[in-house]
Amino acid sequence: MDMETVNSMGFGEFVDVFGNVIEKCPLVAAAVWSQRPFFGSEDLEKHFFDFIDALSRSGQEGILRCHPDLAGRDLQQGTLTAESLREQSQAGFTSLDADDRLRLQQLNAQYRERFGFPFVLAVRLSDRAAVSQELARRLRCQPESELRTALGEVKKICHLRLADLLGAGPARVELLRDWGSERQQDAPRRGLGAAHPSLEVGSGLEGQSSHPHKGSGELKQSHEQ
């Protein structure tokens, strides 16, 4: 898909296509659509990232809460999004033995209790065998540092999903592997996200998106991928 095609998309089509590059957050795609035209894949990606950076802390935590646990309830119940199912399947989380699954579930529960959101990891860039070790390591992090690390993982996932949609190889994979809390800087709370203060992500809004042609209080249902 070339950028001319992306820029020519109407609101509904854009949200349908890009509504899950940030997991279960079509509201983000709805806001990004209004920033057209995009001058390339990196420019499009930057608008998604800028929106995340400009959110309040509660909004950022809302984005994280839209993500499923690895090998968790959504996988067992068959309710993962298509993107998450593909990623977890490719990473081997659909074939864990009972002991590994239980260990991961216990660590996920401890992580949620400590930080208030699920453990997020770009599993396509990770070694399945090291996931439990990484989860245990991040459990020892301070909340502010861990928030930045988790948002960095959201951005990695976004980058890879955009690359899939645009037919571009993940050229910056090695750079993405190095993204960590020490490289995540607190962005000023302004810009795209601040321009849309009503677009607080999470709290059950993941299935809705603001429609630019409706009144400010109306929401339009968007289709999950």
C-alpha atoms as a PDB file:
ATOM      1  CA  MET A   1       0.000   0.000   0.000  1.00  0.00           C
ATOM      2  CA  ASP A   2       1.521   3.314  -1.043  1.00  0.00           C
ATOM      3  CA  MET A   3       1.108   6.628   0.745  1.00  0.00           C
ATOM      4  CA  GLU A   4      -1.068   8.069  -2.018  1.00  0.00           C
ATOM      5  CA  THR A   5      -3.591   5.337  -1.262  1.00  0.00           C
ATOM      6  CA  VAL A   6      -3.360   6.022   2.467  1.00  0.00           C
ATOM      7  CA  ASN A   7      -3.880   9.760   1.997  1.00  0.00           C
ATOM      8  CA  SER A   8      -6.915   9.182  -0.210  1.00  0.00           C
ATOM      9  CA  MET A   9      -8.733   7.077   2.405  1.00  0.00           C
ATOM     10  CA  GLY A  10     -11.902   8.381   3.939  1.00  0.00           C
ATOM     11  CA  PHE A  11     -12.308   8.397   7.691  1.00  0.00           C
ATOM     12  CA  GLY A  12     -14.078   5.061   7.992  1.00  0.00           C
ATOM     13  CA  GLU A  13     -11.699   3.200   5.699  1.00  0.00           C
ATOM     14  CA  PHE A  14      -8.629   4.622   7.451  1.00  0.00           C
ATOM     15  CA  VAL A  15      -9.903   3.589  10.882  1.00  0.00           C
ATOM     16  CA  ASP A  16     -10.848   0.139   9.572  1.00  0.00           C
ATOM     17  CA  VAL A  17      -7.336  -0.374   8.179  1.00  0.00           C
ATOM     18  CA  PHE A  18      -5.214   1.276  10.884  1.00  0.00           C
ATOM     19  CA  GLY A  19      -7.535   1.023  13.900  1.00  0.00           C
ATOM     20  CA  ASN A  20      -5.545  -1.775  15.534  1.00  0.00           C
ATOM     21  CA  VAL A  21      -1.945  -0.735  14.959  1.00  0.00           C
ATOM     22  CA  ILE A  22      -2.327   0.466  18.546  1.00  0.00           C
ATOM     23  CA  GLU A  23      -4.086  -2.523  20.111  1.00  0.00           C
ATOM     24  CA  LYS A  24      -7.865  -2.000  20.392  1.00  0.00           C
ATOM     25  CA  CYS A  25      -7.451   1.774  20.088  1.00  0.00           C
ATOM     26  CA  PRO A  26      -9.229   2.959  16.924  1.00  0.00           C
ATOM     27  CA  LEU A  27      -9.595   6.331  18.652  1.00  0.00           C
ATOM     28  CA  VAL A  28      -5.894   6.899  17.995  1.00  0.00           C
ATOM     29  CA  ALA A  29      -6.300   6.150  14.285  1.00  0.00           C
ATOM     30  CA  ALA A  30      -9.325   8.465  14.235  1.00  0.00           C
ATOM     31  CA  ALA A  31      -7.182  11.334  15.508  1.00  0.00           C
ATOM     32  CA  VAL A  32      -4.257  10.518  13.213  1.00  0.00           C
ATOM     33  CA  TRP A  33      -6.532  10.524  10.137  1.00  0.00           C
ATOM     34  CA  SER A  34      -7.153  14.252  10.617  1.00  0.00           C
ATOM     35  CA  GLN A  35      -3.412  14.943  10.232  1.00  0.00           C
ATOM     36  CA  ARG A  36      -3.280  13.978   6.533  1.00  0.00           C
ATOM     37  CA  PRO A  37      -1.471  14.219   4.198  1.00  0.00           C
ATOM     38  CA  PHE A  38       1.336  11.954   5.359  1.00  0.00           C
ATOM     39  CA  PHE A  39       4.663  12.231   3.609  1.00  0.00           C
ATOM     40  CA  GLY A  40       5.798   8.650   4.059  1.00  0.00           C
ATOM     41  CA  SER A  41       5.574   5.691   6.392  1.00  0.00           C
ATOM     42  CA  GLU A  42       7.837   7.291   9.000  1.00  0.00           C
ATOM     43  CA  ASP A  43       5.682  10.423   9.028  1.00  0.00           C
ATOM     44  CA  LEU A  44       2.543   8.326   9.516  1.00  0.00           C
ATOM     45  CA  GLU A  45       4.223   6.381  12.299  1.00  0.00           C
ATOM     46  CA  LYS A  46       5.389   9.591  13.959  1.00  0.00           C
ATOM     47  CA  HIS A  47       1.789  10.830  14.211  1.00  0.00           C
ATOM     48  CA  PHE A  48       0.792   7.654  16.055  1.00  0.00           C
ATOM     49  CA  PHE A  49       3.776   8.015  18.386  1.00  0.00           C
ATOM     50  CA  ASP A  50       3.143  11.725  18.973  1.00  0.00           C
ATOM     51  CA  PHE A  51      -0.426  10.977  19.983  1.00  0.00           C
ATOM     52  CA  ILE A  52       0.745   8.456  22.583  1.00  0.00           C
ATOM     53  CA  ASP A  53       3.409  10.824  23.938  1.00  0.00           C
ATOM     54  CA  ALA A  54       0.922  13.695  24.264  1.00  0.00           C
ATOM     55  CA  LEU A  55      -1.603  11.738  26.316  1.00  0.00           C
ATOM     56  CA  SER A  56      -1.935  12.195  30.036  1.00  0.00           C
ATOM     57  CA  ARG A  57      -0.585   9.415  32.224  1.00  0.00           C
ATOM     58  CA  SER A  58      -4.075   7.978  32.635  1.00  0.00           C
ATOM     59  CA  GLY A  59      -4.509   7.937  28.861  1.00  0.00           C
ATOM     60  CA  GLN A  60      -1.183   6.176  28.385  1.00  0.00           C
ATOM     61  CA  GLU A  61      -2.112   3.596  31.005  1.00  0.00           C
ATOM     62  CA  GLY A  62      -5.430   3.167  29.192  1.00  0.00           C
ATOM     63  CA  ILE A  63      -3.560   2.259  26.005  1.00  0.00           C
ATOM     64  CA  LEU A  64      -1.564  -0.338  27.908  1.00  0.00           C
ATOM     65  CA  ARG A  65      -4.702  -1.817  29.459  1.00  0.00           C
ATOM     66  CA  CYS A  66      -6.051  -2.513  25.970  1.00  0.00           C
ATOM     67  CA  HIS A  67      -3.308  -5.102  25.467  1.00  0.00           C
ATOM     68  CA  PRO A  68      -3.906  -8.782  26.295  1.00  0.00           C
ATOM     69  CA  ASP A  69      -1.768 -10.877  28.601  1.00  0.00           C
ATOM     70  CA  LEU A  70       0.697 -13.155  26.829  1.00  0.00           C
ATOM     71  CA  ALA A  71      -0.776 -16.681  26.746  1.00  0.00           C
ATOM     72  CA  GLY A  72      -3.595 -15.332  28.908  1.00  0.00           C
ATOM     73  CA  ARG A  73      -7.357 -15.554  29.083  1.00  0.00           C
ATOM     74  CA  ASP A  74      -8.011 -13.941  25.695  1.00  0.00           C
ATOM     75  CA  LEU A  75      -5.840 -16.540  23.979  1.00  0.00           C
ATOM     76  CA  GLN A  76      -7.541 -19.396  25.851  1.00  0.00           C
ATOM     77  CA  GLN A  77     -11.024 -18.045  25.075  1.00  0.00           C
ATOM     78  CA  GLY A  78     -10.288 -17.228  21.428  1.00  0.00           C
ATOM     79  CA  THR A  79     -10.962 -13.504  21.849  1.00  0.00           C
ATOM     80  CA  LEU A  80      -7.601 -12.070  20.750  1.00  0.00           C
ATOM     81  CA  THR A  81      -7.542  -9.590  17.898  1.00  0.00           C
ATOM     82  CA  ALA A  82      -6.277 -11.033  14.624  1.00  0.00           C
ATOM     83  CA  GLU A  83      -2.993  -9.161  15.014  1.00  0.00           C
ATOM     84  CA  SER A  84      -2.362 -10.329  18.565  1.00  0.00           C
ATOM     85  CA  LEU A  85      -3.270 -13.919  17.702  1.00  0.00           C
ATOM     86  CA  ARG A  86      -0.837 -13.922  14.797  1.00  0.00           C
ATOM     87  CA  GLU A  87       1.943 -12.422  16.912  1.00  0.00           C
ATOM     88  CA  GLN A  88       1.452 -14.740  19.876  1.00  0.00           C
ATOM     89  CA  SER A  89       1.145 -17.768  17.581  1.00  0.00           C
ATOM     90  CA  GLN A  90       4.323 -16.920  15.673  1.00  0.00           C
ATOM     91  CA  ALA A  91       6.149 -16.449  18.978  1.00  0.00           C
ATOM     92  CA  GLY A  92       5.036 -19.887  20.189  1.00  0.00           C
ATOM     93  CA  PHE A  93       2.657 -18.852  22.964  1.00  0.00           C
ATOM     94  CA  THR A  94      -0.116 -21.076  21.601  1.00  0.00           C
ATOM     95  CA  SER A  95       2.001 -24.183  22.227  1.00  0.00           C
ATOM     96  CA  LEU A  96       3.239 -23.656  25.794  1.00  0.00           C
ATOM     97  CA  ASP A  97       3.135 -26.644  28.099  1.00  0.00           C
ATOM     98  CA  ALA A  98       1.026 -26.454  31.267  1.00  0.00           C
ATOM     99  CA  ASP A  99       3.935 -25.541  33.563  1.00  0.00           C
ATOM    100  CA  ASP A 100       5.183 -22.700  31.361  1.00  0.00           C
ATOM    101  CA  ARG A 101       1.655 -21.359  30.919  1.00  0.00           C
ATOM    102  CA  LEU A 102       1.036 -21.384  34.675  1.00  0.00           C
ATOM    103  CA  ARG A 103       4.357 -19.665  35.372  1.00  0.00           C
ATOM    104  CA  LEU A 104       3.570 -16.938  32.841  1.00  0.00           C
ATOM    105  CA  GLN A 105       0.064 -16.447  34.218  1.00  0.00           C
ATOM    106  CA  GLN A 106       1.439 -16.043  37.745  1.00  0.00           C
ATOM    107  CA  LEU A 107       3.982 -13.466  36.619  1.00  0.00           C
ATOM    108  CA  ASN A 108       1.344 -11.615  34.578  1.00  0.00           C
ATOM    109  CA  ALA A 109      -0.885 -11.404  37.657  1.00  0.00           C
ATOM    110  CA  GLN A 110       1.965 -10.069  39.803  1.00  0.00           C
ATOM    111  CA  TYR A 111       2.809  -7.496  37.135  1.00  0.00           C
ATOM    112  CA  ARG A 112      -0.803  -6.273  36.856  1.00  0.00           C
ATOM    113  CA  GLU A 113      -1.051  -5.981  40.634  1.00  0.00           C
ATOM    114  CA  ARG A 114       2.152  -3.933  40.820  1.00  0.00           C
ATOM    115  CA  PHE A 115       1.641  -1.580  37.860  1.00  0.00           C
ATOM    116  CA  GLY A 116      -2.092  -1.591  37.111  1.00  0.00           C
ATOM    117  CA  PHE A 117      -1.729  -2.602  33.473  1.00  0.00           C
ATOM    118  CA  PRO A 118      -0.683  -5.782  31.642  1.00  0.00           C
ATOM    119  CA  PHE A 119       2.843  -6.739  30.693  1.00  0.00           C
ATOM    120  CA  VAL A 120       3.377  -5.560  27.108  1.00  0.00           C
ATOM    121  CA  LEU A 121       6.163  -6.965  24.955  1.00  0.00           C
ATOM    122  CA  ALA A 122       6.785  -6.923  21.199  1.00  0.00           C
ATOM    123  CA  VAL A 123       7.045 -10.705  21.024  1.00  0.00           C
ATOM    124  CA  ARG A 124       8.068 -10.656  17.366  1.00  0.00           C
ATOM    125  CA  LEU A 125      11.355  -9.133  18.497  1.00  0.00           C
ATOM    126  CA  SER A 126      11.775 -11.405  21.495  1.00  0.00           C
ATOM    127  CA  ASP A 127      12.922 -14.907  22.300  1.00  0.00           C
ATOM    128  CA  ARG A 128      10.031 -16.864  23.810  1.00  0.00           C
ATOM    129  CA  ALA A 129      12.378 -18.667  26.167  1.00  0.00           C
ATOM    130  CA  ALA A 130      13.460 -15.345  27.667  1.00  0.00           C
ATOM    131  CA  VAL A 131       9.998 -13.819  28.127  1.00  0.00           C
ATOM    132  CA  SER A 132       9.442 -15.046  31.690  1.00  0.00           C
ATOM    133  CA  GLN A 133      12.909 -13.823  32.642  1.00  0.00           C
ATOM    134  CA  GLU A 134      12.198 -10.409  31.104  1.00  0.00           C
ATOM    135  CA  LEU A 135       8.840 -10.229  32.860  1.00  0.00           C
ATOM    136  CA  ALA A 136      10.470 -11.042  36.188  1.00  0.00           C
ATOM    137  CA  ARG A 137      13.138  -8.384  35.557  1.00  0.00           C
ATOM    138  CA  ARG A 138      10.603  -5.687  34.727  1.00  0.00           C
ATOM    139  CA  LEU A 139       8.607  -6.524  37.837  1.00  0.00           C
ATOM    140  CA  ARG A 140      11.494  -5.016  39.802  1.00  0.00           C
ATOM    141  CA  CYS A 141      11.408  -1.706  37.898  1.00  0.00           C
ATOM    142  CA  GLN A 142      10.047   1.522  39.319  1.00  0.00           C
ATOM    143  CA  PRO A 143       6.586   2.520  38.028  1.00  0.00           C
ATOM    144  CA  GLU A 144       7.718   5.607  36.080  1.00  0.00           C
ATOM    145  CA  SER A 145      10.499   3.703  34.363  1.00  0.00           C
ATOM    146  CA  GLU A 146       8.247   0.755  33.608  1.00  0.00           C
ATOM    147  CA  LEU A 147       5.568   2.979  32.098  1.00  0.00           C
ATOM    148  CA  ARG A 148       8.118   4.338  29.629  1.00  0.00           C
ATOM    149  CA  THR A 149       9.394   0.848  28.846  1.00  0.00           C
ATOM    150  CA  ALA A 150       5.867  -0.484  28.269  1.00  0.00           C
ATOM    151  CA  LEU A 151       4.996   2.426  25.966  1.00  0.00           C
ATOM    152  CA  GLY A 152       8.207   1.742  24.059  1.00  0.00           C
ATOM    153  CA  GLU A 153       6.947  -1.812  23.480  1.00  0.00           C
ATOM    154  CA  VAL A 154       3.615  -0.427  22.228  1.00  0.00           C
ATOM    155  CA  LYS A 155       5.554   1.654  19.711  1.00  0.00           C
ATOM    156  CA  LYS A 156       7.541  -1.361  18.543  1.00  0.00           C
ATOM    157  CA  ILE A 157       4.302  -3.268  17.974  1.00  0.00           C
ATOM    158  CA  CYS A 158       2.851  -0.266  16.133  1.00  0.00           C
ATOM    159  CA  HIS A 159       5.943  -0.037  13.911  1.00  0.00           C
ATOM    160  CA  LEU A 160       5.749  -3.710  12.962  1.00  0.00           C
ATOM    161  CA  ARG A 161       2.014  -3.625  12.292  1.00  0.00           C
ATOM    162  CA  LEU A 162       2.363  -0.541  10.116  1.00  0.00           C
ATOM    163  CA  ALA A 163       5.157  -2.267   8.195  1.00  0.00           C
ATOM    164  CA  ASP A 164       2.818  -5.210   7.601  1.00  0.00           C
ATOM    165  CA  LEU A 165       0.022  -2.980   6.317  1.00  0.00           C
ATOM    166  CA  LEU A 166       2.231  -0.822   4.119  1.00  0.00           C
ATOM    167  CA  GLY A 167       4.126  -3.760   2.658  1.00  0.00           C
ATOM    168  CA  ALA A 168       7.411  -2.410   3.973  1.00  0.00           C
ATOM    169  CA  GLY A 169      10.029  -4.462   5.756  1.00  0.00           C
ATOM    170  CA  PRO A 170      10.682  -3.534   9.395  1.00  0.00           C
ATOM    171  CA  ALA A 171      13.895  -1.751   8.440  1.00  0.00           C
ATOM    172  CA  ARG A 172      14.495  -0.431  11.935  1.00  0.00           C
ATOM    173  CA  VAL A 173      14.162  -3.718  13.777  1.00  0.00           C
ATOM    174  CA  GLU A 174      17.644  -3.546  15.307  1.00  0.00           C
ATOM    175  CA  LEU A 175      16.998   0.002  16.468  1.00  0.00           C
ATOM    176  CA  LEU A 176      13.659  -1.121  17.880  1.00  0.00           C
ATOM    177  CA  ARG A 177      15.315  -3.933  19.797  1.00  0.00           C
ATOM    178  CA  ASP A 178      17.394  -1.330  21.608  1.00  0.00           C
ATOM    179  CA  TRP A 179      14.458   0.835  22.635  1.00  0.00           C
ATOM    180  CA  GLY A 180      14.243   0.743  26.404  1.00  0.00           C
ATOM    181  CA  SER A 181      13.236   2.832  29.342  1.00  0.00           C
ATOM    182  CA  GLU A 182      16.583   4.602  29.330  1.00  0.00           C
ATOM    183  CA  ARG A 183      15.861   5.894  25.808  1.00  0.00           C
ATOM    184  CA  GLN A 184      12.255   6.899  26.425  1.00  0.00           C
ATOM    185  CA  GLN A 185      11.948  10.569  27.250  1.00  0.00           C
ATOM    186  CA  ASP A 186       8.893  12.187  28.769  1.00  0.00           C
ATOM    187  CA  ALA A 187       7.319  14.168  25.953  1.00  0.00           C
ATOM    188  CA  PRO A 188       5.562  17.480  26.644  1.00  0.00           C
ATOM    189  CA  ARG A 189       1.839  16.913  27.059  1.00  0.00           C
ATOM    190  CA  ARG A 190       0.898  18.860  23.940  1.00  0.00           C
ATOM    191  CA  GLY A 191       0.425  18.327  20.250  1.00  0.00           C
ATOM    192  CA  LEU A 192      -1.865  15.775  18.634  1.00  0.00           C
ATOM    193  CA  GLY A 193      -3.146  14.142  21.789  1.00  0.00           C
ATOM    194  CA  ALA A 194      -3.654  17.453  23.539  1.00  0.00           C
ATOM    195  CA  ALA A 195      -5.561  18.709  20.502  1.00  0.00           C
ATOM    196  CA  HIS A 196      -8.087  15.941  21.109  1.00  0.00           C
ATOM    197  CA  PRO A 197      -8.662  16.033  24.873  1.00  0.00           C
ATOM    198  CA  SER A 198     -11.831  13.944  24.512  1.00  0.00           C
ATOM    199  CA  LEU A 199      -9.840  11.053  23.071  1.00  0.00           C
ATOM    200  CA  GLU A 200      -8.798   9.452  26.337  1.00  0.00           C
ATOM    201  CA  VAL A 201      -8.024   5.852  25.476  1.00  0.00           C
ATOM    202  CA  GLY A 202      -9.198   2.861  27.478  1.00  0.00           C
ATOM    203  CA  SER A 203     -12.061   2.565  29.963  1.00  0.00           C
ATOM    204  CA  GLY A 204     -14.185   0.688  27.437  1.00  0.00           C
ATOM    205  CA  LEU A 205     -13.735   3.153  24.566  1.00  0.00           C
ATOM    206  CA  GLU A 206     -11.572   0.839  22.494  1.00  0.00           C
ATOM    207  CA  GLY A 207     -14.493  -0.142  20.276  1.00  0.00           C
ATOM    208  CA  GLN A 208     -15.401   3.446  19.380  1.00  0.00           C
ATOM    209  CA  SER A 209     -13.954   6.317  17.416  1.00  0.00           C
ATOM    210  CA  SER A 210     -14.718  10.021  17.117  1.00  0.00           C
ATOM    211  CA  HIS A 211     -16.259  10.879  13.766  1.00  0.00           C
ATOM    212  CA  PRO A 212     -15.154  14.263  12.386  1.00  0.00           C
ATOM    213  CA  HIS A 213     -18.455  14.758  10.577  1.00  0.00           C
ATOM    214  CA  LYS A 214     -20.636  14.230  13.641  1.00  0.00           C
ATOM    215  CA  GLY A 215     -21.287  16.431  16.648  1.00  0.00           C
ATOM    216  CA  SER A 216     -18.584  16.532  19.275  1.00  0.00           C
ATOM    217  CA  GLY A 217     -20.578  14.358  21.639  1.00  0.00           C
ATOM    218  CA  GLU A 218     -21.277  11.589  19.159  1.00  0.00           C
ATOM    219  CA  LEU A 219     -19.205   8.491  18.657  1.00  0.00           C
ATOM    220  CA  LYS A 220     -19.103   6.184  15.678  1.00  0.00           C
ATOM    221  CA  GLN A 221     -18.555   2.444  16.061  1.00  0.00           C
ATOM    222  CA  SER A 222     -15.511   1.254  14.111  1.00  0.00           C
ATOM    223  CA  HIS A 223     -14.793  -2.294  13.025  1.00  0.00           C
ATOM    224  CA  GLU A 224     -12.155  -4.236  14.915  1.00  0.00           C
ATOM    225  CA  GLN A 225      -9.630  -6.051  12.773  1.00  0.00           C
END
